[in-house]
PDB file of N, CA and C in Angstrom:
ATOM      1  N   UNK A   1       6.744  17.176  -3.760  1.00  0.00           N
ATOM      2  CA  UNK A   1       6.736  16.416  -2.525  1.00  0.00           C
ATOM      3  C   UNK A   1       5.336  16.406  -1.908  1.00  0.00           C
ATOM      4  N   UNK A   2       4.647  17.532  -1.994  1.00  0.00           N
ATOM      5  CA  UNK A   2       3.311  17.598  -1.418  1.00  0.00           C
ATOM      6  C   UNK A   2       2.346  16.687  -2.178  1.00  0.00           C
ATOM      7  N   UNK A   3       2.448  16.699  -3.507  1.00  0.00           N
ATOM      8  CA  UNK A   3       1.601  15.829  -4.324  1.00  0.00           C
ATOM      9  C   UNK A   3       1.887  14.365  -4.024  1.00  0.00           C
ATOM     10  N   UNK A   4       3.154  14.031  -3.833  1.00  0.00           N
ATOM     11  CA  UNK A   4       3.508  12.650  -3.526  1.00  0.00           C
ATOM     12  C   UNK A   4       2.895  12.197  -2.204  1.00  0.00           C
ATOM     13  N   UNK A   5       2.889  13.048  -1.205  1.00  0.00           N
ATOM     14  CA  UNK A   5       2.308  12.681   0.084  1.00  0.00           C
ATOM     15  C   UNK A   5       0.794  12.515  -0.003  1.00  0.00           C
ATOM     16  N   UNK A   6       0.161  13.359  -0.791  1.00  0.00           N
ATOM     17  CA  UNK A   6      -1.284  13.217  -0.981  1.00  0.00           C
ATOM     18  C   UNK A   6      -1.591  11.906  -1.698  1.00  0.00           C
ATOM     19  N   UNK A   7      -0.815  11.625  -2.738  1.00  0.00           N
ATOM     20  CA  UNK A   7      -1.004  10.376  -3.463  1.00  0.00           C
ATOM     21  C   UNK A   7      -0.678   9.170  -2.589  1.00  0.00           C
ATOM     22  N   UNK A   8       0.340   9.287  -1.742  1.00  0.00           N
ATOM     23  CA  UNK A   8       0.713   8.183  -0.862  1.00  0.00           C
ATOM     24  C   UNK A   8      -0.419   7.805   0.076  1.00  0.00           C
ATOM     25  N   UNK A   9      -1.161   8.797   0.557  1.00  0.00           N
ATOM     26  CA  UNK A   9      -2.259   8.486   1.466  1.00  0.00           C
ATOM     27  C   UNK A   9      -3.343   7.659   0.782  1.00  0.00           C
ATOM     28  N   UNK A  10      -3.537   7.880  -0.504  1.00  0.00           N
ATOM     29  CA  UNK A  10      -4.548   7.103  -1.228  1.00  0.00           C
ATOM     30  C   UNK A  10      -3.975   5.780  -1.749  1.00  0.00           C
ATOM     31  N   UNK A  11      -2.794   5.825  -2.338  1.00  0.00           N
ATOM     32  CA  UNK A  11      -2.193   4.617  -2.908  1.00  0.00           C
ATOM     33  C   UNK A  11      -1.804   3.645  -1.801  1.00  0.00           C
ATOM     34  N   UNK A  12      -1.286   4.152  -0.693  1.00  0.00           N
ATOM     35  CA  UNK A  12      -0.922   3.285   0.425  1.00  0.00           C
ATOM     36  C   UNK A  12      -2.106   2.554   1.008  1.00  0.00           C
ATOM     37  N   UNK A  13      -3.206   3.255   1.134  1.00  0.00           N
ATOM     38  CA  UNK A  13      -4.420   2.615   1.640  1.00  0.00           C
ATOM     39  C   UNK A  13      -4.900   1.533   0.685  1.00  0.00           C
ATOM     40  N   UNK A  14      -4.859   1.819  -0.590  1.00  0.00           N
ATOM     41  CA  UNK A  14      -5.320   0.839  -1.582  1.00  0.00           C
ATOM     42  C   UNK A  14      -4.418  -0.387  -1.622  1.00  0.00           C
ATOM     43  N   UNK A  15      -3.106  -0.198  -1.626  1.00  0.00           N
ATOM     44  CA  UNK A  15      -2.201  -1.338  -1.686  1.00  0.00           C
ATOM     45  C   UNK A  15      -2.211  -2.152  -0.397  1.00  0.00           C
ATOM     46  N   UNK A  16      -2.253  -1.487   0.740  1.00  0.00           N
ATOM     47  CA  UNK A  16      -2.320  -2.213   2.014  1.00  0.00           C
ATOM     48  C   UNK A  16      -3.630  -2.985   2.126  1.00  0.00           C
ATOM     49  N   UNK A  17      -4.722  -2.369   1.722  1.00  0.00           N
ATOM     50  CA  UNK A  17      -6.011  -3.069   1.754  1.00  0.00           C
ATOM     51  C   UNK A  17      -6.054  -4.241   0.806  1.00  0.00           C
ATOM     52  N   UNK A  18      -5.463  -4.092  -0.369  1.00  0.00           N
ATOM     53  CA  UNK A  18      -5.410  -5.207  -1.316  1.00  0.00           C
ATOM     54  C   UNK A  18      -4.569  -6.347  -0.773  1.00  0.00           C
ATOM     55  N   UNK A  19      -3.461  -6.011  -0.121  1.00  0.00           N
ATOM     56  CA  UNK A  19      -2.629  -7.047   0.483  1.00  0.00           C
ATOM     57  C   UNK A  19      -3.348  -7.784   1.590  1.00  0.00           C
ATOM     58  N   UNK A  20      -4.107  -7.074   2.398  1.00  0.00           N
ATOM     59  CA  UNK A  20      -4.862  -7.713   3.481  1.00  0.00           C
ATOM     60  C   UNK A  20      -5.939  -8.629   2.909  1.00  0.00           C
ATOM     61  N   UNK A  21      -6.627  -8.172   1.874  1.00  0.00           N
ATOM     62  CA  UNK A  21      -7.651  -9.016   1.244  1.00  0.00           C
ATOM     63  C   UNK A  21      -7.013 -10.276   0.663  1.00  0.00           C
ATOM     64  N   UNK A  22      -5.847 -10.125   0.046  1.00  0.00           N
ATOM     65  CA  UNK A  22      -5.152 -11.282  -0.515  1.00  0.00           C
ATOM     66  C   UNK A  22      -4.780 -12.284   0.571  1.00  0.00           C
ATOM     67  N   UNK A  23      -4.230 -11.787   1.672  1.00  0.00           N
ATOM     68  CA  UNK A  23      -3.828 -12.675   2.765  1.00  0.00           C
ATOM     69  C   UNK A  23      -5.034 -13.386   3.361  1.00  0.00           C
ATOM     70  N   UNK A  24      -6.114 -12.668   3.551  1.00  0.00           N
ATOM     71  CA  UNK A  24      -7.321 -13.295   4.110  1.00  0.00           C
ATOM     72  C   UNK A  24      -7.931 -14.295   3.139  1.00  0.00           C
ATOM     73  N   UNK A  25      -7.849 -14.019   1.848  1.00  0.00           N
ATOM     74  CA  UNK A  25      -8.361 -14.951   0.853  1.00  0.00           C
ATOM     75  C   UNK A  25      -7.552 -16.241   0.838  1.00  0.00           C
ATOM     76  N   UNK A  26      -6.258 -16.126   1.069  1.00  0.00           N
ATOM     77  CA  UNK A  26      -5.398 -17.307   1.100  1.00  0.00           C
ATOM     78  C   UNK A  26      -5.570 -18.127   2.374  1.00  0.00           C
ATOM     79  N   UNK A  27      -6.317 -17.610   3.337  1.00  0.00           N
ATOM     80  CA  UNK A  27      -6.630 -18.366   4.537  1.00  0.00           C
ATOM     81  C   UNK A  27      -5.767 -18.053   5.747  1.00  0.00           C
ATOM     82  N   UNK A  28      -4.948 -17.034   5.663  1.00  0.00           N
ATOM     83  CA  UNK A  28      -4.123 -16.644   6.802  1.00  0.00           C
ATOM     84  C   UNK A  28      -4.849 -15.562   7.582  1.00  0.00           C
ATOM     85  N   UNK A  29      -5.513 -15.959   8.654  1.00  0.00           N
ATOM     86  CA  UNK A  29      -6.332 -15.019   9.396  1.00  0.00           C
ATOM     87  C   UNK A  29      -5.728 -14.571  10.707  1.00  0.00           C
ATOM     88  N   UNK A  30      -4.447 -14.872  10.929  1.00  0.00           N
ATOM     89  CA  UNK A  30      -3.831 -14.461  12.188  1.00  0.00           C
ATOM     90  C   UNK A  30      -3.251 -13.052  12.061  1.00  0.00           C
ATOM     91  N   UNK A  31      -2.727 -12.546  13.166  1.00  0.00           N
ATOM     92  CA  UNK A  31      -2.294 -11.154  13.223  1.00  0.00           C
ATOM     93  C   UNK A  31      -1.097 -10.859  12.324  1.00  0.00           C
ATOM     94  N   UNK A  32      -0.045 -11.660  12.387  1.00  0.00           N
ATOM     95  CA  UNK A  32       1.204 -11.314  11.726  1.00  0.00           C
ATOM     96  C   UNK A  32       1.140 -11.343  10.207  1.00  0.00           C
ATOM     97  N   UNK A  33       0.441 -12.277   9.584  1.00  0.00           N
ATOM     98  CA  UNK A  33       0.321 -12.153   8.122  1.00  0.00           C
ATOM     99  C   UNK A  33      -0.455 -10.909   7.685  1.00  0.00           C
ATOM    100  N   UNK A  34      -1.446 -10.503   8.457  1.00  0.00           N
ATOM    101  CA  UNK A  34      -2.220  -9.314   8.125  1.00  0.00           C
ATOM    102  C   UNK A  34      -1.358  -8.061   8.292  1.00  0.00           C
ATOM    103  N   UNK A  35      -0.618  -7.984   9.387  1.00  0.00           N
ATOM    104  CA  UNK A  35       0.266  -6.840   9.615  1.00  0.00           C
ATOM    105  C   UNK A  35       1.368  -6.803   8.560  1.00  0.00           C
ATOM    106  N   UNK A  36       1.907  -7.961   8.209  1.00  0.00           N
ATOM    107  CA  UNK A  36       2.941  -8.019   7.181  1.00  0.00           C
ATOM    108  C   UNK A  36       2.437  -7.565   5.829  1.00  0.00           C
ATOM    109  N   UNK A  37       1.234  -7.967   5.472  1.00  0.00           N
ATOM    110  CA  UNK A  37       0.661  -7.551   4.193  1.00  0.00           C
ATOM    111  C   UNK A  37       0.421  -6.050   4.167  1.00  0.00           C
ATOM    112  N   UNK A  38      -0.036  -5.499   5.269  1.00  0.00           N
ATOM    113  CA  UNK A  38      -0.243  -4.049   5.336  1.00  0.00           C
ATOM    114  C   UNK A  38       1.087  -3.307   5.251  1.00  0.00           C
ATOM    115  N   UNK A  39       2.122  -3.832   5.886  1.00  0.00           N
ATOM    116  CA  UNK A  39       3.435  -3.186   5.844  1.00  0.00           C
ATOM    117  C   UNK A  39       4.036  -3.247   4.444  1.00  0.00           C
ATOM    118  N   UNK A  40       3.889  -4.375   3.776  1.00  0.00           N
ATOM    119  CA  UNK A  40       4.404  -4.500   2.411  1.00  0.00           C
ATOM    120  C   UNK A  40       3.653  -3.549   1.477  1.00  0.00           C
ATOM    121  N   UNK A  41       2.357  -3.455   1.638  1.00  0.00           N
ATOM    122  CA  UNK A  41       1.577  -2.523   0.827  1.00  0.00           C
ATOM    123  C   UNK A  41       1.984  -1.082   1.041  1.00  0.00           C
ATOM    124  N   UNK A  42       2.244  -0.714   2.296  1.00  0.00           N
ATOM    125  CA  UNK A  42       2.674   0.655   2.587  1.00  0.00           C
ATOM    126  C   UNK A  42       4.078   0.918   2.045  1.00  0.00           C
ATOM    127  N   UNK A  43       4.940  -0.089   2.117  1.00  0.00           N
ATOM    128  CA  UNK A  43       6.297   0.079   1.605  1.00  0.00           C
ATOM    129  C   UNK A  43       6.305   0.193   0.078  1.00  0.00           C
ATOM    130  N   UNK A  44       5.455  -0.557  -0.581  1.00  0.00           N
ATOM    131  CA  UNK A  44       5.369  -0.476  -2.042  1.00  0.00           C
ATOM    132  C   UNK A  44       4.723   0.833  -2.500  1.00  0.00           C
ATOM    133  N   UNK A  45       3.937   1.432  -1.642  1.00  0.00           N
ATOM    134  CA  UNK A  45       3.237   2.660  -2.024  1.00  0.00           C
ATOM    135  C   UNK A  45       4.177   3.853  -2.157  1.00  0.00           C
ATOM    136  N   UNK A  46       5.295   3.842  -1.452  1.00  0.00           N
ATOM    137  CA  UNK A  46       6.227   4.973  -1.552  1.00  0.00           C
ATOM    138  C   UNK A  46       6.791   5.145  -2.958  1.00  0.00           C
ATOM    139  N   UNK A  47       7.413   4.122  -3.552  1.00  0.00           N
ATOM    140  CA  UNK A  47       7.915   4.334  -4.915  1.00  0.00           C
ATOM    141  C   UNK A  47       6.811   4.510  -5.944  1.00  0.00           C
ATOM    142  N   UNK A  48       5.687   3.860  -5.736  1.00  0.00           N
ATOM    143  CA  UNK A  48       4.574   4.008  -6.684  1.00  0.00           C
ATOM    144  C   UNK A  48       4.046   5.438  -6.650  1.00  0.00           C
ATOM    145  N   UNK A  49       3.868   5.998  -5.477  1.00  0.00           N
ATOM    146  CA  UNK A  49       3.362   7.369  -5.393  1.00  0.00           C
ATOM    147  C   UNK A  49       4.383   8.361  -5.933  1.00  0.00           C
ATOM    148  N   UNK A  50       5.675   8.082  -5.751  1.00  0.00           N
ATOM    149  CA  UNK A  50       6.703   8.950  -6.309  1.00  0.00           C
ATOM    150  C   UNK A  50       6.649   8.932  -7.836  1.00  0.00           C
ATOM    151  N   UNK A  51       6.497   7.739  -8.409  1.00  0.00           N
ATOM    152  CA  UNK A  51       6.415   7.631  -9.868  1.00  0.00           C
ATOM    153  C   UNK A  51       5.170   8.323 -10.422  1.00  0.00           C
ATOM    154  N   UNK A  52       4.049   8.138  -9.761  1.00  0.00           N
ATOM    155  CA  UNK A  52       2.809   8.762 -10.224  1.00  0.00           C
ATOM    156  C   UNK A  52       2.914  10.288 -10.113  1.00  0.00           C
ATOM    157  N   UNK A  53       3.457  10.778  -9.010  1.00  0.00           N
ATOM    158  CA  UNK A  53       3.607  12.228  -8.838  1.00  0.00           C
ATOM    159  C   UNK A  53       4.568  12.800  -9.886  1.00  0.00           C
ATOM    160  N   UNK A  54       5.595  12.047 -10.205  1.00  0.00           N
ATOM    161  CA  UNK A  54       6.541  12.512 -11.246  1.00  0.00           C
ATOM    162  C   UNK A  54       5.886  12.570 -12.602  1.00  0.00           C
ATOM    163  N   UNK A  55       5.006  11.605 -12.906  1.00  0.00           N
ATOM    164  CA  UNK A  55       4.312  11.602 -14.179  1.00  0.00           C
ATOM    165  C   UNK A  55       3.288  12.738 -14.271  1.00  0.00           C
ATOM    166  N   UNK A  56       2.634  13.029 -13.150  1.00  0.00           N
ATOM    167  CA  UNK A  56       1.647  14.107 -13.146  1.00  0.00           C
ATOM    168  C   UNK A  56       2.342  15.464 -13.232  1.00  0.00           C
ATOM    169  N   UNK A  57       3.406  15.627 -12.434  1.00  0.00           N
ATOM    170  CA  UNK A  57       4.093  16.917 -12.380  1.00  0.00           C
ATOM    171  C   UNK A  57       4.999  17.054 -13.539  1.00  0.00           C
TER     172      UNK A  57
END
């Protein structure tokens, strides 16, 4: 669980940042698409970090 939380802090930042860059590249520069992309990235980071932690451990 501790490894997963450490990985989540890095993977969540990367996925949320990638989502924000994607949204801005597509031309949506308002608040809600940016917040939505960050939320989707953070939500996707939970199962990804769990899988990575399981593979490492």
